[in-house]
Amino acid sequence: MTAPTCHLSRVKWQAFRDDARVNGRDTENVKNNTLAKENVSEPAIPRLAYSMKEAAVALGVSYISIHRLLKRGLLKSSSALRTKVIPATELERFLKATTE
């Protein structure tokens, strides 16, 4: 039996599984119900800004490419926070400016 990819930590899941084995409970149903609850999505809130990793995924490039674009001045990030965040409008501007 494998641990579910959900909010239960690995240690908690192992303790629950071991307890279930001792008490004869069916852990498969619990695991499936937990996963089903996790997959329920709430209404999407439009993103205003992306982290460097998220921007890389959105553009389909590597994290290093985003870093280089920021260093060259082709992308601009917000300096208001401790980590660099790239506004969604900046990503759109970058794509419009670099398309032929």
C-alpha atoms as a PDB file:
ATOM      1  CA  MET A   1       0.000   0.000   0.000  1.00  0.00           C
ATOM      2  CA  THR A   2       1.399   3.401  -0.906  1.00  0.00           C
ATOM      3  CA  ALA A   3       0.793   6.653   0.909  1.00  0.00           C
ATOM      4  CA  PRO A   4      -1.598   9.039  -0.824  1.00  0.00           C
ATOM      5  CA  THR A   5      -0.389  12.336  -2.205  1.00  0.00           C
ATOM      6  CA  CYS A   6      -2.537  14.513   0.002  1.00  0.00           C
ATOM      7  CA  HIS A   7      -2.493  16.626   3.107  1.00  0.00           C
ATOM      8  CA  LEU A   8      -1.497  13.714   5.339  1.00  0.00           C
ATOM      9  CA  SER A   9       2.207  13.654   5.956  1.00  0.00           C
ATOM     10  CA  ARG A  10       4.051  10.424   5.329  1.00  0.00           C
ATOM     11  CA  VAL A  11       4.559   9.785   9.051  1.00  0.00           C
ATOM     12  CA  LYS A  12       0.887  10.400   9.857  1.00  0.00           C
ATOM     13  CA  TRP A  13      -0.181   8.149   6.994  1.00  0.00           C
ATOM     14  CA  GLN A  14       2.097   5.335   8.175  1.00  0.00           C
ATOM     15  CA  ALA A  15       0.747   5.634  11.714  1.00  0.00           C
ATOM     16  CA  PHE A  16      -2.824   5.604  10.399  1.00  0.00           C
ATOM     17  CA  ARG A  17      -2.103   2.597   8.155  1.00  0.00           C
ATOM     18  CA  ASP A  18      -0.515   0.643  10.995  1.00  0.00           C
ATOM     19  CA  ASP A  19      -3.422   1.473  13.309  1.00  0.00           C
ATOM     20  CA  ALA A  20      -5.894   0.419  10.620  1.00  0.00           C
ATOM     21  CA  ARG A  21      -4.151  -2.911  10.160  1.00  0.00           C
ATOM     22  CA  VAL A  22      -4.353  -3.606  13.881  1.00  0.00           C
ATOM     23  CA  ASN A  23      -8.040  -2.619  14.072  1.00  0.00           C
ATOM     24  CA  GLY A  24      -9.027  -4.222  10.745  1.00  0.00           C
ATOM     25  CA  ARG A  25     -10.159  -1.018   8.976  1.00  0.00           C
ATOM     26  CA  ASP A  26     -10.074  -0.689   5.197  1.00  0.00           C
ATOM     27  CA  THR A  27      -7.419   1.917   4.396  1.00  0.00           C
ATOM     28  CA  GLU A  28      -8.034   1.852   0.631  1.00  0.00           C
ATOM     29  CA  ASN A  29     -11.442   3.524   0.986  1.00  0.00           C
ATOM     30  CA  VAL A  30     -10.018   6.170   3.291  1.00  0.00           C
ATOM     31  CA  LYS A  31      -7.154   6.824   0.881  1.00  0.00           C
ATOM     32  CA  ASN A  32      -9.511   7.108  -2.094  1.00  0.00           C
ATOM     33  CA  ASN A  33     -11.891   9.431  -0.233  1.00  0.00           C
ATOM     34  CA  THR A  34      -9.005  11.635   0.830  1.00  0.00           C
ATOM     35  CA  LEU A  35      -7.741  11.845  -2.748  1.00  0.00           C
ATOM     36  CA  ALA A  36     -11.229  12.558  -4.068  1.00  0.00           C
ATOM     37  CA  LYS A  37     -11.603  15.475  -1.646  1.00  0.00           C
ATOM     38  CA  GLU A  38      -8.220  16.849  -2.682  1.00  0.00           C
ATOM     39  CA  ASN A  39      -9.083  16.865  -6.388  1.00  0.00           C
ATOM     40  CA  VAL A  40     -12.148  19.075  -5.868  1.00  0.00           C
ATOM     41  CA  SER A  41     -11.123  22.467  -7.179  1.00  0.00           C
ATOM     42  CA  GLU A  42     -12.332  25.834  -6.016  1.00  0.00           C
ATOM     43  CA  PRO A  43     -13.021  28.686  -8.434  1.00  0.00           C
ATOM     44  CA  ALA A  44      -9.756  29.915  -9.902  1.00  0.00           C
ATOM     45  CA  ILE A  45      -8.578  33.340  -8.802  1.00  0.00           C
ATOM     46  CA  PRO A  46      -6.719  35.110 -11.597  1.00  0.00           C
ATOM     47  CA  ARG A  47      -3.021  35.400 -10.825  1.00  0.00           C
ATOM     48  CA  LEU A  48      -1.582  38.895 -10.666  1.00  0.00           C
ATOM     49  CA  ALA A  49       2.040  37.790 -10.404  1.00  0.00           C
ATOM     50  CA  TYR A  50       4.168  34.671 -10.695  1.00  0.00           C
ATOM     51  CA  SER A  51       7.298  33.464  -8.964  1.00  0.00           C
ATOM     52  CA  MET A  52      10.322  32.876 -11.154  1.00  0.00           C
ATOM     53  CA  LYS A  53       9.619  29.126 -11.237  1.00  0.00           C
ATOM     54  CA  GLU A  54       5.953  29.668 -12.102  1.00  0.00           C
ATOM     55  CA  ALA A  55       6.875  32.167 -14.816  1.00  0.00           C
ATOM     56  CA  ALA A  56       9.301  29.625 -16.267  1.00  0.00           C
ATOM     57  CA  VAL A  57       6.560  26.990 -16.396  1.00  0.00           C
ATOM     58  CA  ALA A  58       4.079  29.476 -17.896  1.00  0.00           C
ATOM     59  CA  LEU A  59       6.514  30.431 -20.659  1.00  0.00           C
ATOM     60  CA  GLY A  60       7.816  26.908 -21.159  1.00  0.00           C
ATOM     61  CA  VAL A  61      11.429  27.790 -20.412  1.00  0.00           C
ATOM     62  CA  SER A  62      13.857  26.983 -17.616  1.00  0.00           C
ATOM     63  CA  TYR A  63      14.273  28.862 -14.351  1.00  0.00           C
ATOM     64  CA  ILE A  64      17.742  29.950 -15.494  1.00  0.00           C
ATOM     65  CA  SER A  65      16.263  31.467 -18.679  1.00  0.00           C
ATOM     66  CA  ILE A  66      13.922  33.602 -16.566  1.00  0.00           C
ATOM     67  CA  HIS A  67      16.885  34.650 -14.432  1.00  0.00           C
ATOM     68  CA  ARG A  68      18.838  35.645 -17.563  1.00  0.00           C
ATOM     69  CA  LEU A  69      15.876  37.590 -18.996  1.00  0.00           C
ATOM     70  CA  LEU A  70      15.582  39.520 -15.729  1.00  0.00           C
ATOM     71  CA  LYS A  71      19.329  40.183 -15.648  1.00  0.00           C
ATOM     72  CA  ARG A  72      19.296  41.451 -19.261  1.00  0.00           C
ATOM     73  CA  GLY A  73      16.322  43.692 -18.561  1.00  0.00           C
ATOM     74  CA  LEU A  74      13.998  41.942 -20.993  1.00  0.00           C
ATOM     75  CA  LEU A  75      11.688  41.024 -18.106  1.00  0.00           C
ATOM     76  CA  LYS A  76      10.981  43.187 -15.077  1.00  0.00           C
ATOM     77  CA  SER A  77      10.145  41.900 -11.618  1.00  0.00           C
ATOM     78  CA  SER A  78       8.585  43.521  -8.609  1.00  0.00           C
ATOM     79  CA  SER A  79      11.030  44.470  -5.899  1.00  0.00           C
ATOM     80  CA  ALA A  80       8.357  45.011  -3.248  1.00  0.00           C
ATOM     81  CA  LEU A  81       8.741  41.529  -1.815  1.00  0.00           C
ATOM     82  CA  ARG A  82      11.657  39.523  -0.555  1.00  0.00           C
ATOM     83  CA  THR A  83      11.414  37.142  -3.509  1.00  0.00           C
ATOM     84  CA  LYS A  84      11.149  38.228  -7.107  1.00  0.00           C
ATOM     85  CA  VAL A  85       7.652  38.118  -8.531  1.00  0.00           C
ATOM     86  CA  ILE A  86       6.887  38.803 -12.147  1.00  0.00           C
ATOM     87  CA  PRO A  87       3.547  40.473 -12.899  1.00  0.00           C
ATOM     88  CA  ALA A  88       1.278  38.681 -15.358  1.00  0.00           C
ATOM     89  CA  THR A  89       1.095  41.871 -17.422  1.00  0.00           C
ATOM     90  CA  GLU A  90       4.898  41.840 -17.698  1.00  0.00           C
ATOM     91  CA  LEU A  91       4.826  38.309 -19.090  1.00  0.00           C
ATOM     92  CA  GLU A  92       2.189  39.351 -21.627  1.00  0.00           C
ATOM     93  CA  ARG A  93       4.211  42.441 -22.570  1.00  0.00           C
ATOM     94  CA  PHE A  94       7.331  40.310 -23.013  1.00  0.00           C
ATOM     95  CA  LEU A  95       5.515  37.872 -25.299  1.00  0.00           C
ATOM     96  CA  LYS A  96       4.013  40.660 -27.417  1.00  0.00           C
ATOM     97  CA  ALA A  97       7.357  42.464 -27.701  1.00  0.00           C
ATOM     98  CA  THR A  98       9.257  39.352 -28.749  1.00  0.00           C
ATOM     99  CA  THR A  99       6.813  37.861 -31.250  1.00  0.00           C
ATOM    100  CA  GLU A 100       7.291  38.626 -34.915  1.00  0.00           C
END
